[in-house]
Amino acid sequence: MKLPLLLGLSLVISTVFAPSAALAGERCETESCRAQIERFQRYAQNGSFEAMLILAVAYANGEGVEQDIDKARQWMKESIRLRNPQAFHVKSSWRRHGVVFEQDIERADHFRDRAIELGFAPAMYEKAIDLLRENRDVDLALELISEAAEQGHPESMYAVARFYEEGVLGEPDLQAAGEIYKHLAVVGHSDARTRLRAIADEFEQQSEQGQTIARQLREYENMERIQVRALTGSLEDRLAQMNELLFKHFDNRPPTGSRFRRAHACGAANPGCRIIYQHGQDFVGHTLMEALGLDRY
């Protein structure tokens, strides 16, 4: 890897990958929220790996239920057994920080790699950040970020846009950066909007062709802002919407003799496999608020 590329990456890493402050966020503590969590028990017993993960996080934090580390481990194990990509990522985080399970960095890396094998973009992004910060396997890091960006993972898309803007991978390409920023601006990425305006302003000062590009980049200003995820609203609103979606697949099944319904793993004939999980849009979360993606942007 050439020195100029490493220097360029270091400059971008310092801004793109700067750690954000932990958000307290909303917790599931009201009676109505507890009732929402209770409904996930049936869905989980009937084979929903999404519900299993929600219960694992809920029991780990005592949100909507009494804290119970054994149940948190139990539901996490079941969700992982069904190859839930996000479950592998959450368990990786737990292992990395000594939450629920004993801290074990090697196991944390193992579970994150499993999430990556299943195509989970946030895990790709997280590993890429670690590699770039440690200045090792830079080519692999760029490959992971690019793949996650192709899935539509916002943070990865933003990183790639910065690479284009700063000329990290070659000559700067402001138009390519602007097109990515435009997409992110429409879905509410505030910093992308700021950078897009700056790029559009720069093109406006150029030739007629540059002014045309500027007009195209400014199209986002007339577009209605859309939500990054299908599920929106407060924590309780999100849980209610998830309940409604999972009800269609996991509430009306006949009871079985076992405690857990042995559903098919993700990737097999499982109609509920993609209800909640969306490529490139879910990410690791220590609380229900974070796991549901309500603390973003």
C-alpha atoms as a PDB file:
ATOM      1  CA  MET A   1       0.000   0.000   0.000  1.00  0.00           C
ATOM      2  CA  LYS A   2       1.513   3.347  -1.037  1.00  0.00           C
ATOM      3  CA  LEU A   3       2.268   5.981   1.607  1.00  0.00           C
ATOM      4  CA  PRO A   4       0.007   8.722   0.122  1.00  0.00           C
ATOM      5  CA  LEU A   5      -2.953   6.347   0.319  1.00  0.00           C
ATOM      6  CA  LEU A   6      -2.215   5.564   3.974  1.00  0.00           C
ATOM      7  CA  LEU A   7      -1.925   9.270   4.774  1.00  0.00           C
ATOM      8  CA  GLY A   8      -5.178   9.973   2.989  1.00  0.00           C
ATOM      9  CA  LEU A   9      -6.949   7.172   4.811  1.00  0.00           C
ATOM     10  CA  SER A  10      -5.697   8.440   8.160  1.00  0.00           C
ATOM     11  CA  LEU A  11      -7.202  11.865   7.490  1.00  0.00           C
ATOM     12  CA  VAL A  12     -10.557  10.423   6.509  1.00  0.00           C
ATOM     13  CA  ILE A  13     -10.592   7.926   9.386  1.00  0.00           C
ATOM     14  CA  SER A  14     -10.116  10.745  11.894  1.00  0.00           C
ATOM     15  CA  THR A  15     -13.443  12.268  10.848  1.00  0.00           C
ATOM     16  CA  VAL A  16     -15.559   9.483   9.352  1.00  0.00           C
ATOM     17  CA  PHE A  17     -14.798   6.974  12.069  1.00  0.00           C
ATOM     18  CA  ALA A  18     -14.720   9.279  15.076  1.00  0.00           C
ATOM     19  CA  PRO A  19     -16.544   7.576  17.979  1.00  0.00           C
ATOM     20  CA  SER A  20     -19.855   9.186  18.846  1.00  0.00           C
ATOM     21  CA  ALA A  21     -21.020   9.867  22.384  1.00  0.00           C
ATOM     22  CA  ALA A  22     -23.217   7.201  23.921  1.00  0.00           C
ATOM     23  CA  LEU A  23     -26.868   8.124  23.787  1.00  0.00           C
ATOM     24  CA  ALA A  24     -29.038   7.458  26.804  1.00  0.00           C
ATOM     25  CA  GLY A  25     -32.113   7.193  24.645  1.00  0.00           C
ATOM     26  CA  GLU A  26     -35.532   5.917  25.532  1.00  0.00           C
ATOM     27  CA  ARG A  27     -35.899   2.755  27.583  1.00  0.00           C
ATOM     28  CA  CYS A  28     -38.743   0.266  27.664  1.00  0.00           C
ATOM     29  CA  GLU A  29     -40.002   0.901  31.193  1.00  0.00           C
ATOM     30  CA  THR A  30     -43.728   1.713  30.913  1.00  0.00           C
ATOM     31  CA  GLU A  31     -46.499  -0.810  31.423  1.00  0.00           C
ATOM     32  CA  SER A  32     -47.591  -0.525  27.799  1.00  0.00           C
ATOM     33  CA  CYS A  33     -44.042  -1.210  26.640  1.00  0.00           C
ATOM     34  CA  ARG A  34     -43.813  -4.196  28.969  1.00  0.00           C
ATOM     35  CA  ALA A  35     -46.987  -5.525  27.358  1.00  0.00           C
ATOM     36  CA  GLN A  36     -45.361  -5.172  23.938  1.00  0.00           C
ATOM     37  CA  ILE A  37     -42.329  -7.186  25.073  1.00  0.00           C
ATOM     38  CA  GLU A  38     -44.577  -9.891  26.507  1.00  0.00           C
ATOM     39  CA  ARG A  39     -46.041 -10.549  23.061  1.00  0.00           C
ATOM     40  CA  PHE A  40     -42.569 -11.311  21.710  1.00  0.00           C
ATOM     41  CA  GLN A  41     -42.407 -14.332  24.011  1.00  0.00           C
ATOM     42  CA  ARG A  42     -44.915 -16.226  21.865  1.00  0.00           C
ATOM     43  CA  TYR A  43     -43.301 -15.190  18.597  1.00  0.00           C
ATOM     44  CA  ALA A  44     -39.914 -16.331  19.861  1.00  0.00           C
ATOM     45  CA  GLN A  45     -41.290 -19.674  21.027  1.00  0.00           C
ATOM     46  CA  ASN A  46     -42.829 -20.089  17.585  1.00  0.00           C
ATOM     47  CA  GLY A  47     -39.514 -19.585  15.800  1.00  0.00           C
ATOM     48  CA  SER A  48     -39.013 -15.859  15.160  1.00  0.00           C
ATOM     49  CA  PHE A  49     -35.302 -15.145  15.439  1.00  0.00           C
ATOM     50  CA  GLU A  50     -36.107 -11.423  15.413  1.00  0.00           C
ATOM     51  CA  ALA A  51     -38.219 -11.828  18.546  1.00  0.00           C
ATOM     52  CA  MET A  52     -35.534 -14.014  20.106  1.00  0.00           C
ATOM     53  CA  LEU A  53     -32.961 -11.261  19.686  1.00  0.00           C
ATOM     54  CA  ILE A  54     -35.323  -8.607  21.061  1.00  0.00           C
ATOM     55  CA  LEU A  55     -35.892 -10.779  24.141  1.00  0.00           C
ATOM     56  CA  ALA A  56     -32.161 -11.406  24.538  1.00  0.00           C
ATOM     57  CA  VAL A  57     -31.463  -7.662  24.583  1.00  0.00           C
ATOM     58  CA  ALA A  58     -34.491  -6.985  26.804  1.00  0.00           C
ATOM     59  CA  TYR A  59     -33.469  -9.573  29.415  1.00  0.00           C
ATOM     60  CA  ALA A  60     -29.841  -8.440  29.291  1.00  0.00           C
ATOM     61  CA  ASN A  61     -30.825  -4.857  30.155  1.00  0.00           C
ATOM     62  CA  GLY A  62     -33.987  -5.426  32.171  1.00  0.00           C
ATOM     63  CA  GLU A  63     -36.074  -3.522  29.625  1.00  0.00           C
ATOM     64  CA  GLY A  64     -39.745  -4.484  29.657  1.00  0.00           C
ATOM     65  CA  VAL A  65     -38.868  -7.538  31.765  1.00  0.00           C
ATOM     66  CA  GLU A  66     -36.925  -8.272  34.912  1.00  0.00           C
ATOM     67  CA  GLN A  67     -33.234  -8.555  34.131  1.00  0.00           C
ATOM     68  CA  ASP A  68     -32.320 -12.211  33.689  1.00  0.00           C
ATOM     69  CA  ILE A  69     -28.867 -12.967  32.286  1.00  0.00           C
ATOM     70  CA  ASP A  70     -29.621 -16.679  31.896  1.00  0.00           C
ATOM     71  CA  LYS A  71     -32.656 -15.915  29.720  1.00  0.00           C
ATOM     72  CA  ALA A  72     -30.643 -13.358  27.759  1.00  0.00           C
ATOM     73  CA  ARG A  73     -28.083 -16.048  26.978  1.00  0.00           C
ATOM     74  CA  GLN A  74     -30.784 -18.588  26.195  1.00  0.00           C
ATOM     75  CA  TRP A  75     -32.589 -16.389  23.674  1.00  0.00           C
ATOM     76  CA  MET A  76     -29.326 -15.258  22.120  1.00  0.00           C
ATOM     77  CA  LYS A  77     -28.320 -18.903  21.650  1.00  0.00           C
ATOM     78  CA  GLU A  78     -31.637 -19.663  19.927  1.00  0.00           C
ATOM     79  CA  SER A  79     -31.426 -16.636  17.631  1.00  0.00           C
ATOM     80  CA  ILE A  80     -27.878 -17.585  16.644  1.00  0.00           C
ATOM     81  CA  ARG A  81     -28.942 -21.188  16.068  1.00  0.00           C
ATOM     82  CA  LEU A  82     -31.309 -19.836  13.412  1.00  0.00           C
ATOM     83  CA  ARG A  83     -28.409 -17.888  11.871  1.00  0.00           C
ATOM     84  CA  ASN A  84     -29.740 -14.413  12.602  1.00  0.00           C
ATOM     85  CA  PRO A  85     -26.984 -12.115  11.247  1.00  0.00           C
ATOM     86  CA  GLN A  86     -27.739  -9.354  13.733  1.00  0.00           C
ATOM     87  CA  ALA A  87     -27.610 -11.810  16.644  1.00  0.00           C
ATOM     88  CA  PHE A  88     -24.057 -12.779  15.697  1.00  0.00           C
ATOM     89  CA  HIS A  89     -23.161  -9.090  15.644  1.00  0.00           C
ATOM     90  CA  VAL A  90     -24.777  -8.306  18.994  1.00  0.00           C
ATOM     91  CA  LYS A  91     -23.094 -11.307  20.618  1.00  0.00           C
ATOM     92  CA  SER A  92     -19.803 -10.131  19.170  1.00  0.00           C
ATOM     93  CA  SER A  93     -20.323  -6.792  20.898  1.00  0.00           C
ATOM     94  CA  TRP A  94     -21.281  -8.489  24.162  1.00  0.00           C
ATOM     95  CA  ARG A  95     -18.147 -10.638  24.055  1.00  0.00           C
ATOM     96  CA  ARG A  96     -15.989  -7.647  23.171  1.00  0.00           C
ATOM     97  CA  HIS A  97     -17.229  -5.583  26.114  1.00  0.00           C
ATOM     98  CA  GLY A  98     -17.858  -8.336  28.655  1.00  0.00           C
ATOM     99  CA  VAL A  99     -21.640  -7.896  28.622  1.00  0.00           C
ATOM    100  CA  VAL A 100     -23.771 -10.957  29.496  1.00  0.00           C
ATOM    101  CA  PHE A 101     -20.812 -13.180  28.600  1.00  0.00           C
ATOM    102  CA  GLU A 102     -17.227 -13.076  29.854  1.00  0.00           C
ATOM    103  CA  GLN A 103     -15.047 -10.754  27.804  1.00  0.00           C
ATOM    104  CA  ASP A 104     -13.261 -12.643  25.045  1.00  0.00           C
ATOM    105  CA  ILE A 105     -11.892 -10.634  22.125  1.00  0.00           C
ATOM    106  CA  GLU A 106     -11.053 -13.736  20.089  1.00  0.00           C
ATOM    107  CA  ARG A 107     -14.640 -14.999  20.375  1.00  0.00           C
ATOM    108  CA  ALA A 108     -15.910 -11.500  19.636  1.00  0.00           C
ATOM    109  CA  ASP A 109     -13.965 -11.461  16.378  1.00  0.00           C
ATOM    110  CA  HIS A 110     -15.281 -14.953  15.580  1.00  0.00           C
ATOM    111  CA  PHE A 111     -18.925 -13.929  15.963  1.00  0.00           C
ATOM    112  CA  ARG A 112     -18.381 -10.754  13.965  1.00  0.00           C
ATOM    113  CA  ASP A 113     -16.824 -12.769  11.155  1.00  0.00           C
ATOM    114  CA  ARG A 114     -19.867 -15.048  11.196  1.00  0.00           C
ATOM    115  CA  ALA A 115     -22.113 -11.999  10.806  1.00  0.00           C
ATOM    116  CA  ILE A 116     -19.960 -10.883   7.885  1.00  0.00           C
ATOM    117  CA  GLU A 117     -20.216 -14.329   6.281  1.00  0.00           C
ATOM    118  CA  LEU A 118     -24.001 -13.917   6.428  1.00  0.00           C
ATOM    119  CA  GLY A 119     -23.721 -10.580   4.623  1.00  0.00           C
ATOM    120  CA  PHE A 120     -24.455  -8.289   7.579  1.00  0.00           C
ATOM    121  CA  ALA A 121     -23.242  -4.858   6.465  1.00  0.00           C
ATOM    122  CA  PRO A 122     -22.830  -3.227   9.910  1.00  0.00           C
ATOM    123  CA  ALA A 123     -20.403  -6.000  10.890  1.00  0.00           C
ATOM    124  CA  MET A 124     -18.427  -5.390   7.687  1.00  0.00           C
ATOM    125  CA  TYR A 125     -18.263  -1.691   8.487  1.00  0.00           C
ATOM    126  CA  GLU A 126     -17.190  -2.263  12.083  1.00  0.00           C
ATOM    127  CA  LYS A 127     -14.377  -4.633  11.094  1.00  0.00           C
ATOM    128  CA  ALA A 128     -13.238  -2.239   8.376  1.00  0.00           C
ATOM    129  CA  ILE A 129     -13.018   0.565  10.933  1.00  0.00           C
ATOM    130  CA  ASP A 130     -10.879  -1.585  13.229  1.00  0.00           C
ATOM    131  CA  LEU A 131      -8.548  -2.576  10.393  1.00  0.00           C
ATOM    132  CA  LEU A 132      -8.116   1.003   9.195  1.00  0.00           C
ATOM    133  CA  ARG A 133      -7.491   2.325  12.690  1.00  0.00           C
ATOM    134  CA  GLU A 134      -4.829  -0.339  13.203  1.00  0.00           C
ATOM    135  CA  ASN A 135      -3.398   0.314   9.725  1.00  0.00           C
ATOM    136  CA  ARG A 136      -3.484  -3.349   8.729  1.00  0.00           C
ATOM    137  CA  ASP A 137      -5.157  -5.262   5.901  1.00  0.00           C
ATOM    138  CA  VAL A 138      -6.168  -1.942   4.357  1.00  0.00           C
ATOM    139  CA  ASP A 139      -7.221  -3.572   1.090  1.00  0.00           C
ATOM    140  CA  LEU A 140      -9.587  -5.901   2.974  1.00  0.00           C
ATOM    141  CA  ALA A 141     -10.971  -2.954   4.930  1.00  0.00           C
ATOM    142  CA  LEU A 142     -11.749  -1.047   1.743  1.00  0.00           C
ATOM    143  CA  GLU A 143     -13.327  -4.157   0.240  1.00  0.00           C
ATOM    144  CA  LEU A 144     -15.576  -4.590   3.287  1.00  0.00           C
ATOM    145  CA  ILE A 145     -16.651  -0.947   3.289  1.00  0.00           C
ATOM    146  CA  SER A 146     -17.362  -1.046  -0.436  1.00  0.00           C
ATOM    147  CA  GLU A 147     -19.474  -4.195  -0.097  1.00  0.00           C
ATOM    148  CA  ALA A 148     -21.414  -2.730   2.821  1.00  0.00           C
ATOM    149  CA  ALA A 149     -21.949   0.491   0.865  1.00  0.00           C
ATOM    150  CA  GLU A 150     -23.316  -1.475  -2.093  1.00  0.00           C
ATOM    151  CA  GLN A 151     -25.906  -2.928   0.292  1.00  0.00           C
ATOM    152  CA  GLY A 152     -26.992   0.607   1.176  1.00  0.00           C
ATOM    153  CA  HIS A 153     -25.420   0.762   4.640  1.00  0.00           C
ATOM    154  CA  PRO A 154     -25.453   4.536   5.366  1.00  0.00           C
ATOM    155  CA  GLU A 155     -22.208   4.783   7.343  1.00  0.00           C
ATOM    156  CA  SER A 156     -20.320   2.803   4.707  1.00  0.00           C
ATOM    157  CA  MET A 157     -21.801   4.887   1.906  1.00  0.00           C
ATOM    158  CA  TYR A 158     -20.715   8.027   3.726  1.00  0.00           C
ATOM    159  CA  ALA A 159     -17.187   6.648   4.116  1.00  0.00           C
ATOM    160  CA  VAL A 160     -16.960   5.826   0.405  1.00  0.00           C
ATOM    161  CA  ALA A 161     -18.216   9.321  -0.447  1.00  0.00           C
ATOM    162  CA  ARG A 162     -15.489  10.809   1.727  1.00  0.00           C
ATOM    163  CA  PHE A 163     -12.917   8.628  -0.018  1.00  0.00           C
ATOM    164  CA  TYR A 164     -14.084   9.999  -3.374  1.00  0.00           C
ATOM    165  CA  GLU A 165     -14.135  13.562  -2.077  1.00  0.00           C
ATOM    166  CA  GLU A 166     -10.657  13.411  -0.548  1.00  0.00           C
ATOM    167  CA  GLY A 167      -9.120  11.423  -3.404  1.00  0.00           C
ATOM    168  CA  VAL A 168      -8.066   8.621  -1.093  1.00  0.00           C
ATOM    169  CA  LEU A 169      -8.276   5.952  -3.789  1.00  0.00           C
ATOM    170  CA  GLY A 170      -6.981   8.084  -6.654  1.00  0.00           C
ATOM    171  CA  GLU A 171      -7.941  11.444  -8.090  1.00  0.00           C
ATOM    172  CA  PRO A 172     -10.758  13.249  -6.232  1.00  0.00           C
ATOM    173  CA  ASP A 173     -14.166  12.649  -7.820  1.00  0.00           C
ATOM    174  CA  LEU A 174     -16.539  15.263  -6.443  1.00  0.00           C
ATOM    175  CA  GLN A 175     -19.403  14.244  -8.710  1.00  0.00           C
ATOM    176  CA  ALA A 176     -19.292  10.628  -7.491  1.00  0.00           C
ATOM    177  CA  ALA A 177     -19.064  11.836  -3.895  1.00  0.00           C
ATOM    178  CA  GLY A 178     -21.962  14.203  -4.471  1.00  0.00           C
ATOM    179  CA  GLU A 179     -24.217  11.490  -5.882  1.00  0.00           C
ATOM    180  CA  ILE A 180     -23.707   9.395  -2.746  1.00  0.00           C
ATOM    181  CA  TYR A 181     -24.225  12.402  -0.485  1.00  0.00           C
ATOM    182  CA  LYS A 182     -27.449  13.159  -2.371  1.00  0.00           C
ATOM    183  CA  HIS A 183     -28.832   9.714  -1.566  1.00  0.00           C
ATOM    184  CA  LEU A 184     -27.849  10.057   2.085  1.00  0.00           C
ATOM    185  CA  ALA A 185     -29.299  13.564   2.301  1.00  0.00           C
ATOM    186  CA  VAL A 186     -32.694  12.289   1.188  1.00  0.00           C
ATOM    187  CA  VAL A 187     -32.718   9.738   4.005  1.00  0.00           C
ATOM    188  CA  GLY A 188     -31.756  12.319   6.604  1.00  0.00           C
ATOM    189  CA  HIS A 189     -27.966  12.194   6.983  1.00  0.00           C
ATOM    190  CA  SER A 190     -27.236  15.732   8.213  1.00  0.00           C
ATOM    191  CA  ASP A 191     -23.495  15.826   7.521  1.00  0.00           C
ATOM    192  CA  ALA A 192     -24.068  14.464   4.013  1.00  0.00           C
ATOM    193  CA  ARG A 193     -26.435  17.374   3.321  1.00  0.00           C
ATOM    194  CA  THR A 194     -23.787  19.846   4.450  1.00  0.00           C
ATOM    195  CA  ARG A 195     -21.089  18.295   2.284  1.00  0.00           C
ATOM    196  CA  LEU A 196     -23.444  18.026  -0.684  1.00  0.00           C
ATOM    197  CA  ARG A 197     -24.230  21.745  -0.523  1.00  0.00           C
ATOM    198  CA  ALA A 198     -20.520  22.555  -0.467  1.00  0.00           C
ATOM    199  CA  ILE A 199     -19.836  20.347  -3.502  1.00  0.00           C
ATOM    200  CA  ALA A 200     -22.814  21.793  -5.406  1.00  0.00           C
ATOM    201  CA  ASP A 201     -21.597  25.319  -4.625  1.00  0.00           C
ATOM    202  CA  GLU A 202     -18.164  24.427  -5.991  1.00  0.00           C
ATOM    203  CA  PHE A 203     -19.619  23.064  -9.240  1.00  0.00           C
ATOM    204  CA  GLU A 204     -21.769  26.194  -9.649  1.00  0.00           C
ATOM    205  CA  GLN A 205     -18.602  28.284  -9.847  1.00  0.00           C
ATOM    206  CA  GLN A 206     -17.359  26.253 -12.802  1.00  0.00           C
ATOM    207  CA  SER A 207     -18.362  25.899 -16.458  1.00  0.00           C
ATOM    208  CA  GLU A 208     -21.849  25.355 -17.817  1.00  0.00           C
ATOM    209  CA  GLN A 209     -21.306  21.611 -17.445  1.00  0.00           C
ATOM    210  CA  GLY A 210     -20.399  22.144 -13.801  1.00  0.00           C
ATOM    211  CA  GLN A 211     -23.551  24.190 -13.272  1.00  0.00           C
ATOM    212  CA  THR A 212     -25.600  21.354 -14.761  1.00  0.00           C
ATOM    213  CA  ILE A 213     -24.003  18.920 -12.310  1.00  0.00           C
ATOM    214  CA  ALA A 214     -24.746  21.348  -9.474  1.00  0.00           C
ATOM    215  CA  ARG A 215     -28.437  21.444 -10.430  1.00  0.00           C
ATOM    216  CA  GLN A 216     -28.560  17.646 -10.498  1.00  0.00           C
ATOM    217  CA  LEU A 217     -26.926  17.422  -7.086  1.00  0.00           C
ATOM    218  CA  ARG A 218     -29.380  19.947  -5.657  1.00  0.00           C
ATOM    219  CA  GLU A 219     -32.360  17.846  -6.706  1.00  0.00           C
ATOM    220  CA  TYR A 220     -32.472  16.409  -3.179  1.00  0.00           C
ATOM    221  CA  GLU A 221     -33.723  19.788  -1.899  1.00  0.00           C
ATOM    222  CA  ASN A 222     -37.012  19.210  -3.725  1.00  0.00           C
ATOM    223  CA  MET A 223     -37.312  15.578  -2.692  1.00  0.00           C
ATOM    224  CA  GLU A 224     -39.428  14.580   0.246  1.00  0.00           C
ATOM    225  CA  ARG A 225     -37.249  13.192   3.000  1.00  0.00           C
ATOM    226  CA  ILE A 226     -37.826   9.465   3.358  1.00  0.00           C
ATOM    227  CA  GLN A 227     -37.169   7.183   6.301  1.00  0.00           C
ATOM    228  CA  VAL A 228     -34.099   4.961   6.237  1.00  0.00           C
ATOM    229  CA  ARG A 229     -36.111   2.124   7.750  1.00  0.00           C
ATOM    230  CA  ALA A 230     -39.623   0.847   7.227  1.00  0.00           C
ATOM    231  CA  LEU A 231     -40.334   1.032  10.946  1.00  0.00           C
ATOM    232  CA  THR A 232     -40.542   4.502  12.482  1.00  0.00           C
ATOM    233  CA  GLY A 233     -41.587   6.397  15.573  1.00  0.00           C
ATOM    234  CA  SER A 234     -40.819   6.042  19.264  1.00  0.00           C
ATOM    235  CA  LEU A 235     -39.519   2.886  20.889  1.00  0.00           C
ATOM    236  CA  GLU A 236     -43.056   1.758  21.743  1.00  0.00           C
ATOM    237  CA  ASP A 237     -44.256   2.616  18.235  1.00  0.00           C
ATOM    238  CA  ARG A 238     -41.441   0.542  16.741  1.00  0.00           C
ATOM    239  CA  LEU A 239     -42.198  -2.407  19.015  1.00  0.00           C
ATOM    240  CA  ALA A 240     -45.886  -2.170  18.118  1.00  0.00           C
ATOM    241  CA  GLN A 241     -45.082  -2.226  14.401  1.00  0.00           C
ATOM    242  CA  MET A 242     -42.770  -5.190  14.872  1.00  0.00           C
ATOM    243  CA  ASN A 243     -45.491  -6.961  16.812  1.00  0.00           C
ATOM    244  CA  GLU A 244     -47.933  -6.373  13.981  1.00  0.00           C
ATOM    245  CA  LEU A 245     -45.504  -7.739  11.391  1.00  0.00           C
ATOM    246  CA  LEU A 246     -44.490 -10.793  13.395  1.00  0.00           C
ATOM    247  CA  PHE A 247     -48.093 -11.584  14.345  1.00  0.00           C
ATOM    248  CA  LYS A 248     -48.823 -12.546  10.731  1.00  0.00           C
ATOM    249  CA  HIS A 249     -46.154 -15.247  10.732  1.00  0.00           C
ATOM    250  CA  PHE A 250     -45.568 -16.349  14.302  1.00  0.00           C
ATOM    251  CA  ASP A 251     -48.695 -15.918  16.429  1.00  0.00           C
ATOM    252  CA  ASN A 252     -51.225 -18.278  14.865  1.00  0.00           C
ATOM    253  CA  ARG A 253     -49.140 -21.439  14.727  1.00  0.00           C
ATOM    254  CA  PRO A 254     -50.366 -24.480  16.656  1.00  0.00           C
ATOM    255  CA  PRO A 255     -48.470 -25.188  19.885  1.00  0.00           C
ATOM    256  CA  THR A 256     -45.780 -27.849  19.907  1.00  0.00           C
ATOM    257  CA  GLY A 257     -44.571 -30.224  22.567  1.00  0.00           C
ATOM    258  CA  SER A 258     -41.182 -28.532  22.854  1.00  0.00           C
ATOM    259  CA  ARG A 259     -40.401 -25.220  24.468  1.00  0.00           C
ATOM    260  CA  PHE A 260     -39.127 -23.737  21.214  1.00  0.00           C
ATOM    261  CA  ARG A 261     -40.557 -24.290  17.787  1.00  0.00           C
ATOM    262  CA  ARG A 262     -37.722 -25.577  15.614  1.00  0.00           C
ATOM    263  CA  ALA A 263     -38.071 -23.193  12.719  1.00  0.00           C
ATOM    264  CA  HIS A 264     -35.868 -23.226   9.638  1.00  0.00           C
ATOM    265  CA  ALA A 265     -32.637 -21.269   9.782  1.00  0.00           C
ATOM    266  CA  CYS A 266     -32.365 -17.990   7.921  1.00  0.00           C
ATOM    267  CA  GLY A 267     -31.826 -18.613   4.243  1.00  0.00           C
ATOM    268  CA  ALA A 268     -34.129 -21.620   4.172  1.00  0.00           C
ATOM    269  CA  ALA A 269     -37.893 -21.567   3.635  1.00  0.00           C
ATOM    270  CA  ASN A 270     -38.588 -19.126   6.449  1.00  0.00           C
ATOM    271  CA  PRO A 271     -41.198 -16.452   5.591  1.00  0.00           C
ATOM    272  CA  GLY A 272     -40.269 -14.353   8.622  1.00  0.00           C
ATOM    273  CA  CYS A 273     -36.560 -14.279   7.929  1.00  0.00           C
ATOM    274  CA  ARG A 274     -36.500 -10.776   6.500  1.00  0.00           C
ATOM    275  CA  ILE A 275     -39.324  -9.116   8.389  1.00  0.00           C
ATOM    276  CA  ILE A 276     -37.158  -6.988  10.652  1.00  0.00           C
ATOM    277  CA  TYR A 277     -33.623  -7.479   9.408  1.00  0.00           C
ATOM    278  CA  GLN A 278     -32.762  -5.292   6.428  1.00  0.00           C
ATOM    279  CA  HIS A 279     -29.377  -5.528   4.714  1.00  0.00           C
ATOM    280  CA  GLY A 280     -27.214  -2.557   5.546  1.00  0.00           C
ATOM    281  CA  GLN A 281     -29.701  -0.923   7.882  1.00  0.00           C
ATOM    282  CA  ASP A 282     -29.602  -2.846  11.134  1.00  0.00           C
ATOM    283  CA  PHE A 283     -26.677  -2.616  13.473  1.00  0.00           C
ATOM    284  CA  VAL A 284     -25.406  -3.760  16.830  1.00  0.00           C
ATOM    285  CA  GLY A 285     -27.230  -2.305  19.829  1.00  0.00           C
ATOM    286  CA  HIS A 286     -26.798  -2.701  23.571  1.00  0.00           C
ATOM    287  CA  THR A 287     -30.308  -1.438  24.371  1.00  0.00           C
ATOM    288  CA  LEU A 288     -33.654  -1.921  22.674  1.00  0.00           C
ATOM    289  CA  MET A 289     -33.493   1.717  21.570  1.00  0.00           C
ATOM    290  CA  GLU A 290     -30.199   1.091  19.769  1.00  0.00           C
ATOM    291  CA  ALA A 291     -31.060  -2.368  18.477  1.00  0.00           C
ATOM    292  CA  LEU A 292     -34.151  -0.939  16.805  1.00  0.00           C
ATOM    293  CA  GLY A 293     -32.179   1.885  15.206  1.00  0.00           C
ATOM    294  CA  LEU A 294     -34.037   4.742  16.867  1.00  0.00           C
ATOM    295  CA  ASP A 295     -30.956   6.743  17.892  1.00  0.00           C
ATOM    296  CA  ARG A 296     -29.683   7.410  14.385  1.00  0.00           C
ATOM    297  CA  TYR A 297     -29.368  10.740  12.595  1.00  0.00           C
END
